[in-house]
C-alpha atoms as a PDB file:
ATOM      1  CA  MET A   1      20.608  14.073 -23.327  1.00  0.00           C
ATOM      2  CA  SER A   2      21.852  11.803 -20.214  1.00  0.00           C
ATOM      3  CA  THR A   3      23.414  13.291 -17.064  1.00  0.00           C
ATOM      4  CA  PRO A   4      24.755  11.525 -13.748  1.00  0.00           C
ATOM      5  CA  THR A   5      21.812  11.259 -11.052  1.00  0.00           C
ATOM      6  CA  SER A   6      22.888  10.048  -7.875  1.00  0.00           C
ATOM      7  CA  HIS A   7      19.883  11.585  -6.108  1.00  0.00           C
ATOM      8  CA  TYR A   8      16.090  12.659  -6.790  1.00  0.00           C
ATOM      9  CA  LYS A   9      13.788  15.191  -4.428  1.00  0.00           C
ATOM     10  CA  ASN A  10       9.966  15.122  -4.663  1.00  0.00           C
ATOM     11  CA  PRO A  11       7.754  15.651  -5.994  1.00  0.00           C
ATOM     12  CA  LEU A  12       8.428  13.398  -9.207  1.00  0.00           C
ATOM     13  CA  PRO A  13       7.953  14.879 -12.833  1.00  0.00           C
ATOM     14  CA  ILE A  14       4.265  12.940 -13.056  1.00  0.00           C
ATOM     15  CA  GLN A  15       1.854  16.085 -11.860  1.00  0.00           C
ATOM     16  CA  HIS A  16      -1.887  16.360 -11.949  1.00  0.00           C
ATOM     17  CA  ILE A  17      -2.572  12.919 -11.223  1.00  0.00           C
ATOM     18  CA  GLY A  18      -3.794  11.256  -8.246  1.00  0.00           C
ATOM     19  CA  ASP A  19      -3.754   7.628  -6.810  1.00  0.00           C
ATOM     20  CA  PRO A  20      -0.813   6.313  -8.236  1.00  0.00           C
ATOM     21  CA  TYR A  21      -0.169   2.514  -8.413  1.00  0.00           C
ATOM     22  CA  ILE A  22       2.776   1.667  -9.868  1.00  0.00           C
ATOM     23  CA  LEU A  23       3.322  -1.866 -11.688  1.00  0.00           C
ATOM     24  CA  ARG A  24       7.092  -3.571 -12.468  1.00  0.00           C
ATOM     25  CA  ALA A  25       6.032  -5.245 -15.702  1.00  0.00           C
ATOM     26  CA  SER A  26       7.844  -9.065 -17.010  1.00  0.00           C
ATOM     27  CA  ASP A  27      10.002  -6.078 -19.453  1.00  0.00           C
ATOM     28  CA  GLY A  28      11.974  -4.626 -16.345  1.00  0.00           C
ATOM     29  CA  LYS A  29      10.340  -1.348 -16.925  1.00  0.00           C
ATOM     30  CA  TYR A  30       7.922   0.677 -14.525  1.00  0.00           C
ATOM     31  CA  TYR A  31       4.510   1.745 -15.114  1.00  0.00           C
ATOM     32  CA  CYS A  32       2.798   4.016 -13.356  1.00  0.00           C
ATOM     33  CA  TYR A  33      -0.911   4.380 -13.223  1.00  0.00           C
ATOM     34  CA  PRO A  34      -2.937   6.797 -12.281  1.00  0.00           C
ATOM     35  CA  THR A  35      -6.614   9.320 -11.840  1.00  0.00           C
ATOM     36  CA  SER A  36      -4.979  10.777 -15.030  1.00  0.00           C
ATOM     37  CA  ALA A  37      -7.053  11.834 -17.729  1.00  0.00           C
ATOM     38  CA  GLY A  38     -10.320  13.596 -15.990  1.00  0.00           C
ATOM     39  CA  GLU A  39     -13.521  12.059 -17.507  1.00  0.00           C
ATOM     40  CA  LYS A  40     -11.812  10.565 -20.588  1.00  0.00           C
ATOM     41  CA  GLY A  41     -10.485   7.381 -18.839  1.00  0.00           C
ATOM     42  CA  PHE A  42      -6.482   6.772 -18.589  1.00  0.00           C
ATOM     43  CA  LYS A  43      -2.443   7.746 -19.240  1.00  0.00           C
ATOM     44  CA  THR A  44       0.367   5.465 -17.936  1.00  0.00           C
ATOM     45  CA  TRP A  45       3.966   6.599 -17.704  1.00  0.00           C
ATOM     46  CA  SER A  46       6.989   4.142 -17.878  1.00  0.00           C
ATOM     47  CA  SER A  47      10.160   4.678 -16.400  1.00  0.00           C
ATOM     48  CA  ASP A  48      13.722   2.199 -15.789  1.00  0.00           C
ATOM     49  CA  ASP A  49      14.248   3.482 -11.943  1.00  0.00           C
ATOM     50  CA  LEU A  50      11.232   4.860 -10.387  1.00  0.00           C
ATOM     51  CA  VAL A  51      12.874   8.501 -10.215  1.00  0.00           C
ATOM     52  CA  HIS A  52      12.331   9.371 -13.900  1.00  0.00           C
ATOM     53  CA  TRP A  53       9.400   8.886 -16.282  1.00  0.00           C
ATOM     54  CA  LYS A  54       7.881   9.214 -19.776  1.00  0.00           C
ATOM     55  CA  GLU A  55       4.435   9.624 -20.471  1.00  0.00           C
ATOM     56  CA  GLU A  56       3.076   7.037 -22.796  1.00  0.00           C
ATOM     57  CA  GLY A  57      -0.187   8.547 -24.026  1.00  0.00           C
ATOM     58  CA  PHE A  58      -3.607   7.026 -23.275  1.00  0.00           C
ATOM     59  CA  ILE A  59      -4.274   3.128 -22.272  1.00  0.00           C
ATOM     60  CA  TYR A  60      -7.767   3.297 -22.004  1.00  0.00           C
ATOM     61  CA  GLU A  61      -9.957   5.964 -23.586  1.00  0.00           C
ATOM     62  CA  LYS A  62     -13.949   5.694 -22.675  1.00  0.00           C
ATOM     63  CA  ASN A  63     -16.189   5.496 -25.529  1.00  0.00           C
ATOM     64  CA  GLU A  64     -19.850   4.635 -26.866  1.00  0.00           C
ATOM     65  CA  ARG A  65     -19.835   1.070 -25.594  1.00  0.00           C
ATOM     66  CA  SER A  66     -17.983   1.942 -22.207  1.00  0.00           C
ATOM     67  CA  TRP A  67     -20.447   0.784 -19.672  1.00  0.00           C
ATOM     68  CA  GLY A  68     -18.900   4.224 -17.690  1.00  0.00           C
ATOM     69  CA  PHE A  69     -19.557   7.805 -18.303  1.00  0.00           C
ATOM     70  CA  ARG A  70     -16.902   9.808 -15.900  1.00  0.00           C
ATOM     71  CA  GLN A  71     -15.275   9.858 -12.658  1.00  0.00           C
ATOM     72  CA  PHE A  72     -12.597   7.436 -13.888  1.00  0.00           C
ATOM     73  CA  TRP A  73     -10.326   7.069 -10.757  1.00  0.00           C
ATOM     74  CA  ALA A  74      -8.047   4.388  -9.403  1.00  0.00           C
ATOM     75  CA  PRO A  75      -6.834   2.240 -12.004  1.00  0.00           C
ATOM     76  CA  GLU A  76      -4.671  -0.489 -10.783  1.00  0.00           C
ATOM     77  CA  VAL A  77      -2.986  -3.502 -13.559  1.00  0.00           C
ATOM     78  CA  VAL A  78      -1.404  -6.452 -12.788  1.00  0.00           C
ATOM     79  CA  GLU A  79       0.098  -9.107 -14.817  1.00  0.00           C
ATOM     80  CA  ARG A  80      -0.370 -12.998 -15.170  1.00  0.00           C
ATOM     81  CA  SER A  81      -0.056 -15.523 -18.280  1.00  0.00           C
ATOM     82  CA  GLY A  82       0.767 -12.900 -20.832  1.00  0.00           C
ATOM     83  CA  LYS A  83      -2.100 -10.455 -19.989  1.00  0.00           C
ATOM     84  CA  PHE A  84      -2.500  -7.393 -18.240  1.00  0.00           C
ATOM     85  CA  TYR A  85      -5.589  -6.675 -16.332  1.00  0.00           C
ATOM     86  CA  MET A  86      -6.415  -3.235 -15.189  1.00  0.00           C
ATOM     87  CA  TYR A  87      -9.412  -2.587 -12.320  1.00  0.00           C
ATOM     88  CA  TYR A  88     -10.566   0.849 -12.611  1.00  0.00           C
ATOM     89  CA  THR A  89     -13.560   3.061 -10.852  1.00  0.00           C
ATOM     90  CA  ALA A  90     -15.668   4.816 -12.726  1.00  0.00           C
ATOM     91  CA  ARG A  91     -19.495   6.028 -12.196  1.00  0.00           C
ATOM     92  CA  TRP A  92     -21.732   3.497 -14.191  1.00  0.00           C
ATOM     93  CA  LYS A  93     -24.564   5.022 -16.916  1.00  0.00           C
ATOM     94  CA  GLU A  94     -26.803   2.566 -16.125  1.00  0.00           C
ATOM     95  CA  LYS A  95     -27.534   3.397 -11.970  1.00  0.00           C
ATOM     96  CA  ASP A  96     -25.508   6.300 -12.030  1.00  0.00           C
ATOM     97  CA  SER A  97     -23.638   4.595  -8.983  1.00  0.00           C
ATOM     98  CA  LEU A  98     -19.549   4.195  -8.610  1.00  0.00           C
ATOM     99  CA  ARG A  99     -18.509   0.790  -9.820  1.00  0.00           C
ATOM    100  CA  ILE A 100     -15.051  -1.383 -10.202  1.00  0.00           C
ATOM    101  CA  GLY A 101     -14.839  -2.325 -14.067  1.00  0.00           C
ATOM    102  CA  VAL A 102     -12.262  -4.597 -15.495  1.00  0.00           C
ATOM    103  CA  ALA A 103     -10.205  -4.596 -18.849  1.00  0.00           C
ATOM    104  CA  VAL A 104      -7.470  -6.525 -20.057  1.00  0.00           C
ATOM    105  CA  ALA A 105      -4.538  -5.877 -22.822  1.00  0.00           C
ATOM    106  CA  ASP A 106      -1.633  -7.716 -24.593  1.00  0.00           C
ATOM    107  CA  ARG A 107       1.043  -4.645 -22.979  1.00  0.00           C
ATOM    108  CA  PRO A 108       1.638  -2.736 -20.036  1.00  0.00           C
ATOM    109  CA  THR A 109       0.714   0.423 -22.570  1.00  0.00           C
ATOM    110  CA  GLY A 110      -2.441  -0.956 -23.805  1.00  0.00           C
ATOM    111  CA  PRO A 111      -4.793  -0.430 -25.289  1.00  0.00           C
ATOM    112  CA  PHE A 112      -7.089  -1.746 -22.609  1.00  0.00           C
ATOM    113  CA  VAL A 113     -10.223  -3.328 -23.932  1.00  0.00           C
ATOM    114  CA  ASP A 114     -13.086  -3.342 -21.464  1.00  0.00           C
ATOM    115  CA  VAL A 115     -13.920  -7.331 -20.581  1.00  0.00           C
ATOM    116  CA  TYR A 116     -17.890  -6.538 -20.053  1.00  0.00           C
ATOM    117  CA  ASP A 117     -20.050  -4.119 -21.040  1.00  0.00           C
ATOM    118  CA  HIS A 118     -21.462  -3.490 -17.374  1.00  0.00           C
ATOM    119  CA  PRO A 119     -19.272  -3.534 -14.287  1.00  0.00           C
ATOM    120  CA  MET A 120     -17.044  -6.641 -12.888  1.00  0.00           C
ATOM    121  CA  PHE A 121     -19.834  -7.253  -9.922  1.00  0.00           C
ATOM    122  CA  ASP A 122     -22.788  -5.109  -8.413  1.00  0.00           C
ATOM    123  CA  PHE A 123     -23.448  -5.641  -4.822  1.00  0.00           C
ATOM    124  CA  GLY A 124     -25.963  -3.339  -4.465  1.00  0.00           C
ATOM    125  CA  TYR A 125     -24.047  -0.102  -3.139  1.00  0.00           C
ATOM    126  CA  ALA A 126     -21.119   2.289  -5.149  1.00  0.00           C
ATOM    127  CA  ALA A 127     -17.522   0.590  -4.795  1.00  0.00           C
ATOM    128  CA  ILE A 128     -14.343   2.148  -5.857  1.00  0.00           C
ATOM    129  CA  ASP A 129     -10.505   1.498  -5.147  1.00  0.00           C
ATOM    130  CA  ALA A 130      -9.845  -2.319  -6.436  1.00  0.00           C
ATOM    131  CA  ASN A 131      -6.387  -3.612  -5.636  1.00  0.00           C
ATOM    132  CA  ILE A 132      -5.236  -7.270  -6.479  1.00  0.00           C
ATOM    133  CA  LEU A 133      -3.185  -9.846  -4.116  1.00  0.00           C
ATOM    134  CA  PHE A 134      -1.402 -12.971  -5.106  1.00  0.00           C
ATOM    135  CA  ASP A 135      -0.992 -14.985  -2.231  1.00  0.00           C
ATOM    136  CA  ASP A 136       1.219 -17.742  -1.823  1.00  0.00           C
ATOM    137  CA  ASP A 137      -1.193 -20.912  -2.379  1.00  0.00           C
ATOM    138  CA  GLY A 138      -2.126 -19.528  -6.051  1.00  0.00           C
ATOM    139  CA  LYS A 139      -5.525 -17.775  -4.747  1.00  0.00           C
ATOM    140  CA  MET A 140      -6.145 -14.039  -5.428  1.00  0.00           C
ATOM    141  CA  TYR A 141      -7.992 -11.494  -3.924  1.00  0.00           C
ATOM    142  CA  MET A 142      -9.383  -7.821  -4.658  1.00  0.00           C
ATOM    143  CA  TYR A 143      -9.909  -5.351  -1.526  1.00  0.00           C
ATOM    144  CA  TYR A 144     -11.649  -2.353  -2.048  1.00  0.00           C
ATOM    145  CA  SER A 145     -13.760   0.421  -0.410  1.00  0.00           C
ATOM    146  CA  ARG A 146     -17.757   0.699  -0.124  1.00  0.00           C
ATOM    147  CA  ASP A 147     -17.914   4.269  -0.602  1.00  0.00           C
ATOM    148  CA  CYS A 148     -19.200   6.935   1.260  1.00  0.00           C
ATOM    149  CA  SER A 149     -21.174   8.107  -1.353  1.00  0.00           C
ATOM    150  CA  GLU A 150     -23.877   5.163  -0.364  1.00  0.00           C
ATOM    151  CA  ASN A 151     -22.773   4.059   2.736  1.00  0.00           C
ATOM    152  CA  ILE A 152     -24.481   5.853   5.686  1.00  0.00           C
ATOM    153  CA  VAL A 153     -24.117   4.990   9.274  1.00  0.00           C
ATOM    154  CA  ASN A 154     -25.342   5.920  12.078  1.00  0.00           C
ATOM    155  CA  GLY A 155     -26.181   9.643  10.066  1.00  0.00           C
ATOM    156  CA  ARG A 156     -23.281  10.001   8.276  1.00  0.00           C
ATOM    157  CA  TYR A 157     -21.088   9.089   5.111  1.00  0.00           C
ATOM    158  CA  GLU A 158     -18.099   6.398   5.623  1.00  0.00           C
ATOM    159  CA  SER A 159     -16.068   4.426   3.661  1.00  0.00           C
ATOM    160  CA  HIS A 160     -15.262   1.138   4.678  1.00  0.00           C
ATOM    161  CA  ILE A 161     -12.959  -1.436   2.904  1.00  0.00           C
ATOM    162  CA  TYR A 162     -13.949  -4.771   1.859  1.00  0.00           C
ATOM    163  CA  GLY A 163     -12.196  -8.028   0.565  1.00  0.00           C
ATOM    164  CA  ILE A 164     -13.263 -10.540  -1.594  1.00  0.00           C
ATOM    165  CA  GLN A 165     -11.489 -13.944  -3.427  1.00  0.00           C
ATOM    166  CA  LEU A 166     -11.168 -13.361  -7.090  1.00  0.00           C
ATOM    167  CA  GLY A 167     -11.880 -16.057  -9.276  1.00  0.00           C
ATOM    168  CA  ASP A 168      -9.170 -17.994 -11.350  1.00  0.00           C
ATOM    169  CA  ASP A 169      -9.887 -16.132 -14.614  1.00  0.00           C
ATOM    170  CA  MET A 170      -9.296 -12.951 -13.367  1.00  0.00           C
ATOM    171  CA  ILE A 171     -12.669 -11.477 -13.850  1.00  0.00           C
ATOM    172  CA  THR A 172     -15.025 -12.653 -11.433  1.00  0.00           C
ATOM    173  CA  THR A 173     -15.447 -12.627  -7.795  1.00  0.00           C
ATOM    174  CA  VAL A 174     -15.933 -15.862  -5.113  1.00  0.00           C
ATOM    175  CA  GLY A 175     -18.389 -15.782  -2.575  1.00  0.00           C
ATOM    176  CA  GLU A 176     -18.992 -13.272  -0.568  1.00  0.00           C
ATOM    177  CA  ALA A 177     -17.180 -10.099   0.153  1.00  0.00           C
ATOM    178  CA  VAL A 178     -16.209  -9.404   3.999  1.00  0.00           C
ATOM    179  CA  CYS A 179     -15.824  -5.781   5.595  1.00  0.00           C
ATOM    180  CA  LEU A 180     -12.350  -5.090   6.853  1.00  0.00           C
ATOM    181  CA  THR A 181     -12.284  -2.057   8.051  1.00  0.00           C
ATOM    182  CA  ARG A 182     -13.879   1.204   9.277  1.00  0.00           C
ATOM    183  CA  PRO A 183     -12.900   4.626  10.568  1.00  0.00           C
ATOM    184  CA  ASP A 184     -12.279   3.997  14.076  1.00  0.00           C
ATOM    185  CA  GLN A 185      -9.194   5.460  15.412  1.00  0.00           C
ATOM    186  CA  GLU A 186      -9.057   8.669  16.530  1.00  0.00           C
ATOM    187  CA  TRP A 187      -6.814  10.101  13.503  1.00  0.00           C
ATOM    188  CA  GLU A 188      -9.217   8.964  10.789  1.00  0.00           C
ATOM    189  CA  MET A 189     -12.011  11.168  12.662  1.00  0.00           C
ATOM    190  CA  LYS A 190     -10.419  14.829  11.222  1.00  0.00           C
ATOM    191  CA  SER A 191     -13.068  14.992   8.592  1.00  0.00           C
ATOM    192  CA  LEU A 192     -15.454  14.521  10.928  1.00  0.00           C
ATOM    193  CA  ALA A 193     -17.325  18.123  10.724  1.00  0.00           C
ATOM    194  CA  GLN A 194     -17.906  17.099   7.313  1.00  0.00           C
ATOM    195  CA  GLN A 195     -20.167  14.569   8.747  1.00  0.00           C
ATOM    196  CA  ARG A 196     -18.128  12.170   6.242  1.00  0.00           C
ATOM    197  CA  LEU A 197     -15.380   9.340   7.008  1.00  0.00           C
ATOM    198  CA  TRP A 198     -13.463   7.504   5.004  1.00  0.00           C
ATOM    199  CA  ASN A 199     -10.803   3.981   4.989  1.00  0.00           C
ATOM    200  CA  GLU A 200     -10.488   3.628   1.250  1.00  0.00           C
ATOM    201  CA  GLY A 201      -7.686   3.331  -1.122  1.00  0.00           C
ATOM    202  CA  PRO A 202      -5.953  -0.027   0.013  1.00  0.00           C
ATOM    203  CA  PHE A 203      -3.148  -1.651  -1.278  1.00  0.00           C
ATOM    204  CA  THR A 204      -2.243  -5.580   0.544  1.00  0.00           C
ATOM    205  CA  ILE A 205       0.944  -6.949   0.664  1.00  0.00           C
ATOM    206  CA  LYS A 206       2.390 -10.480   2.564  1.00  0.00           C
ATOM    207  CA  ARG A 207       5.190 -10.188   4.410  1.00  0.00           C
ATOM    208  CA  ASN A 208       6.455 -13.727   7.282  1.00  0.00           C
ATOM    209  CA  GLY A 209       2.948 -14.696   7.056  1.00  0.00           C
ATOM    210  CA  VAL A 210       1.075 -11.615   7.808  1.00  0.00           C
ATOM    211  CA  TYR A 211      -0.782  -9.952   5.473  1.00  0.00           C
ATOM    212  CA  TYR A 212      -0.652  -6.277   5.562  1.00  0.00           C
ATOM    213  CA  LEU A 213      -3.580  -4.365   4.820  1.00  0.00           C
ATOM    214  CA  THR A 214      -2.414  -0.110   4.215  1.00  0.00           C
ATOM    215  CA  TYR A 215      -4.937   2.232   3.599  1.00  0.00           C
ATOM    216  CA  SER A 216      -5.664   5.988   3.255  1.00  0.00           C
ATOM    217  CA  ALA A 217      -8.423   7.912   5.643  1.00  0.00           C
ATOM    218  CA  ASN A 218      -9.617  11.361   5.981  1.00  0.00           C
ATOM    219  CA  PHE A 219     -10.993  13.386   3.407  1.00  0.00           C
ATOM    220  CA  PHE A 220      -8.891  12.965   0.231  1.00  0.00           C
ATOM    221  CA  GLY A 221      -9.007  16.651  -0.797  1.00  0.00           C
ATOM    222  CA  GLY A 222      -7.576  18.100   2.565  1.00  0.00           C
ATOM    223  CA  ARG A 223      -4.361  18.175   4.696  1.00  0.00           C
ATOM    224  CA  HIS A 224      -4.669  15.562   6.885  1.00  0.00           C
ATOM    225  CA  TYR A 225      -5.296  12.771   4.223  1.00  0.00           C
ATOM    226  CA  SER A 226      -2.710  10.081   5.381  1.00  0.00           C
ATOM    227  CA  VAL A 227      -1.655   6.311   5.619  1.00  0.00           C
ATOM    228  CA  GLY A 228      -2.188   3.606   8.136  1.00  0.00           C
ATOM    229  CA  TYR A 229      -2.318  -0.065   8.226  1.00  0.00           C
ATOM    230  CA  ALA A 230      -4.121  -3.163   9.983  1.00  0.00           C
ATOM    231  CA  VAL A 231      -3.016  -6.848   9.736  1.00  0.00           C
ATOM    232  CA  SER A 232      -4.142 -10.290   9.899  1.00  0.00           C
ATOM    233  CA  ASP A 233      -2.847 -14.259   9.371  1.00  0.00           C
ATOM    234  CA  GLN A 234      -5.862 -14.624   6.428  1.00  0.00           C
ATOM    235  CA  PRO A 235      -6.195 -12.852   3.269  1.00  0.00           C
ATOM    236  CA  LEU A 236     -10.207 -12.214   4.425  1.00  0.00           C
ATOM    237  CA  GLY A 237      -9.068 -10.682   8.000  1.00  0.00           C
ATOM    238  CA  PRO A 238     -10.620 -10.056  10.959  1.00  0.00           C
ATOM    239  CA  PHE A 239      -7.860  -6.903  10.672  1.00  0.00           C
ATOM    240  CA  ARG A 240      -6.206  -5.420  13.614  1.00  0.00           C
ATOM    241  CA  LYS A 241      -5.273  -1.747  12.989  1.00  0.00           C
ATOM    242  CA  TYR A 242      -1.698  -0.578  13.869  1.00  0.00           C
ATOM    243  CA  GLU A 243      -2.298   1.214  17.519  1.00  0.00           C
ATOM    244  CA  HIS A 244       0.762   4.149  16.042  1.00  0.00           C
ATOM    245  CA  ASN A 245      -1.087   5.021  12.798  1.00  0.00           C
ATOM    246  CA  PRO A 246      -1.085   6.852  10.788  1.00  0.00           C
ATOM    247  CA  VAL A 247       2.694   5.904   9.373  1.00  0.00           C
ATOM    248  CA  LEU A 248       2.637   8.486   6.384  1.00  0.00           C
ATOM    249  CA  ALA A 249       0.859  12.023   7.489  1.00  0.00           C
ATOM    250  CA  SER A 250       1.598  15.904   6.213  1.00  0.00           C
ATOM    251  CA  ASN A 251       4.777  16.471   9.218  1.00  0.00           C
ATOM    252  CA  CYS A 252       5.373  20.414   7.869  1.00  0.00           C
ATOM    253  CA  GLU A 253       3.454  23.153   5.730  1.00  0.00           C
ATOM    254  CA  GLU A 254       4.497  22.808   2.410  1.00  0.00           C
ATOM    255  CA  ILE A 255       3.674  18.777   2.072  1.00  0.00           C
ATOM    256  CA  SER A 256      -0.290  18.764   2.107  1.00  0.00           C
ATOM    257  CA  GLY A 257      -2.700  15.529   1.569  1.00  0.00           C
ATOM    258  CA  PRO A 258      -0.437  12.459   1.463  1.00  0.00           C
ATOM    259  CA  GLY A 259      -2.081   9.138   0.584  1.00  0.00           C
ATOM    260  CA  HIS A 260      -3.416   6.836  -1.965  1.00  0.00           C
ATOM    261  CA  HIS A 261      -0.412   4.949  -1.924  1.00  0.00           C
ATOM    262  CA  SER A 262       1.345   1.713  -3.431  1.00  0.00           C
ATOM    263  CA  ILE A 263       4.420  -0.260  -2.577  1.00  0.00           C
ATOM    264  CA  ILE A 264       6.912  -0.919  -5.015  1.00  0.00           C
ATOM    265  CA  ALA A 265      10.244  -3.006  -4.612  1.00  0.00           C
ATOM    266  CA  SER A 266      13.822  -0.885  -6.182  1.00  0.00           C
ATOM    267  CA  PRO A 267      15.174  -2.415  -9.300  1.00  0.00           C
ATOM    268  CA  ASP A 268      17.797  -4.266  -7.521  1.00  0.00           C
ATOM    269  CA  GLY A 269      14.559  -5.340  -5.130  1.00  0.00           C
ATOM    270  CA  THR A 270      16.345  -4.270  -1.844  1.00  0.00           C
ATOM    271  CA  GLU A 271      14.696  -1.553  -1.197  1.00  0.00           C
ATOM    272  CA  LEU A 272      10.910  -0.733  -0.955  1.00  0.00           C
ATOM    273  CA  PHE A 273       9.462   2.334  -1.679  1.00  0.00           C
ATOM    274  CA  MET A 274       5.587   4.033  -0.603  1.00  0.00           C
ATOM    275  CA  VAL A 275       4.479   6.205  -4.162  1.00  0.00           C
ATOM    276  CA  TYR A 276       1.742   8.267  -2.969  1.00  0.00           C
ATOM    277  CA  HIS A 277       0.495  11.643  -4.374  1.00  0.00           C
ATOM    278  CA  THR A 278       0.144  14.945  -2.703  1.00  0.00           C
ATOM    279  CA  HIS A 279      -1.733  18.255  -3.181  1.00  0.00           C
ATOM    280  CA  THR A 280       0.310  20.342  -5.799  1.00  0.00           C
ATOM    281  CA  ASP A 281      -1.044  23.668  -3.597  1.00  0.00           C
ATOM    282  CA  PRO A 282      -0.725  22.746  -0.218  1.00  0.00           C
ATOM    283  CA  ALA A 283      -2.633  26.060   0.649  1.00  0.00           C
ATOM    284  CA  LYS A 284      -5.678  24.875  -1.410  1.00  0.00           C
ATOM    285  CA  GLY A 285      -5.463  20.809  -1.474  1.00  0.00           C
ATOM    286  CA  GLY A 286      -7.912  19.521  -3.445  1.00  0.00           C
ATOM    287  CA  GLY A 287      -7.920  17.068  -6.283  1.00  0.00           C
ATOM    288  CA  ASN A 288      -4.747  18.494  -8.130  1.00  0.00           C
ATOM    289  CA  ARG A 289      -1.993  16.613  -7.026  1.00  0.00           C
ATOM    290  CA  GLN A 290       1.845  14.592  -7.811  1.00  0.00           C
ATOM    291  CA  VAL A 291       3.559  11.930  -7.353  1.00  0.00           C
ATOM    292  CA  CYS A 292       5.872  11.492  -4.619  1.00  0.00           C
ATOM    293  CA  ILE A 293       8.132   8.497  -3.318  1.00  0.00           C
ATOM    294  CA  ASP A 294       9.269   7.644   0.029  1.00  0.00           C
ATOM    295  CA  ARG A 295      11.244   4.505   1.445  1.00  0.00           C
ATOM    296  CA  MET A 296       9.654   2.221   3.921  1.00  0.00           C
ATOM    297  CA  GLY A 297      10.362  -0.782   5.445  1.00  0.00           C
ATOM    298  CA  PHE A 298       9.575  -3.192   8.361  1.00  0.00           C
ATOM    299  CA  ARG A 299      11.110  -3.038  12.209  1.00  0.00           C
ATOM    300  CA  GLU A 300      12.059  -6.425  13.770  1.00  0.00           C
ATOM    301  CA  ASP A 301       8.391  -6.523  14.918  1.00  0.00           C
ATOM    302  CA  GLY A 302       7.191  -6.529  12.112  1.00  0.00           C
ATOM    303  CA  THR A 303       5.686  -3.098  12.026  1.00  0.00           C
ATOM    304  CA  ILE A 304       5.438  -0.405   9.516  1.00  0.00           C
ATOM    305  CA  PHE A 305       7.788   2.333   9.045  1.00  0.00           C
ATOM    306  CA  VAL A 306       7.670   4.776   6.005  1.00  0.00           C
ATOM    307  CA  LYS A 307      10.980   7.489   6.122  1.00  0.00           C
ATOM    308  CA  GLY A 308       9.003  10.325   4.527  1.00  0.00           C
ATOM    309  CA  PRO A 309       7.191  12.501   3.645  1.00  0.00           C
ATOM    310  CA  THR A 310      10.009  14.129   2.452  1.00  0.00           C
ATOM    311  CA  LEU A 311      11.214  17.436   0.111  1.00  0.00           C
ATOM    312  CA  SER A 312      14.772  16.976   0.709  1.00  0.00           C
ATOM    313  CA  GLU A 313      17.334  15.191  -1.674  1.00  0.00           C
ATOM    314  CA  GLN A 314      17.424  11.465  -1.141  1.00  0.00           C
ATOM    315  CA  PRO A 315      19.735   8.634  -2.772  1.00  0.00           C
ATOM    316  CA  VAL A 316      18.096   7.153  -5.803  1.00  0.00           C
ATOM    317  CA  PRO A 317      16.591   3.575  -5.485  1.00  0.00           C
ATOM    318  CA  SER A 318      19.137   0.719  -4.971  1.00  0.00           C
ATOM    319  CA  GLY A 319      20.250  -0.221  -8.059  1.00  0.00           C
ATOM    320  CA  ALA A 320      18.879   2.258 -10.515  1.00  0.00           C
ATOM    321  CA  GLY A 321      22.572   3.057 -11.463  1.00  0.00           C
ATOM    322  CA  THR A 322      23.821   6.497 -11.802  1.00  0.00           C
ATOM    323  CA  THR A 323      23.276   7.506 -15.399  1.00  0.00           C
ATOM    324  CA  MET A 324      19.872   8.622 -16.446  1.00  0.00           C
ATOM    325  CA  LYS A 325      17.542  10.560 -18.814  1.00  0.00           C
ATOM    326  CA  ALA A 326      17.752  13.965 -17.300  1.00  0.00           C
ATOM    327  CA  GLY A 327      13.937  15.528 -16.719  1.00  0.00           C
ATOM    328  CA  ASN A 328      11.094  13.709 -18.553  1.00  0.00           C
ATOM    329  CA  GLU A 329      12.683  12.930 -21.495  1.00  0.00           C
END
């Protein structure tokens, strides 16, 4: 059944998830790849308009050959030369430590098969939240978080964001990883009482020769989880943080923990949206989360703004049309 639709409201009908990443594939559809299936692996959802979503089921399931055994988090999928590459986080059996893996499929809905029987790389520390940037010169870069679980700085646990060049084969790295950001702005200190600080969930875009490294800070399960950004004229920095961070943060009692986002264009390419999660129960917080989207853009001086988080009705993304499937059909 289809109904005329001109507006949408957050949250979208993708719940009990976290860390939403959206790809627009060569088939014209959008695919949402979130932390979604607990200890089992990952699922995906598809959409024509960024608002109405259909669950497509499992795209990757843990099996006896998997190098990871639990904590399957934050998948991101990119398409290149007819193949789909999924970069994801899991806990490595061999070292009982978080690492990043890579799996490949012929379709955006999988099945994705691990390239290796071990993580993509091992730099001797826990690594999570991979994000890939295709640069104008054909080079590719991976951004990720050195996880606070194994990174102690001045007596407290901290997550820092790193970058490294990706090999032409999409499954190896080139050179040394570089630390790009660490928690150092006032808004990033909301979790200081827990002796843990975060810069995580990177997502990088390039515009007018400037690299925008957007990321989340503070405890993911708390109200103060928010999004900020830093800029550089080089893909591996140095990056300088925007002085008016955060650009997406809780703005009322009914919204908690907006963060771990991705950025995607509307169907006609004229608008940008920030896709992020919030807590299903804003009073409780924690790991039960849901997907939201809000418009974002750039001011004349190149700074980022986000028109959110919102709970009120918003116009559907530009180019989505006026007749769409109702609900989650």
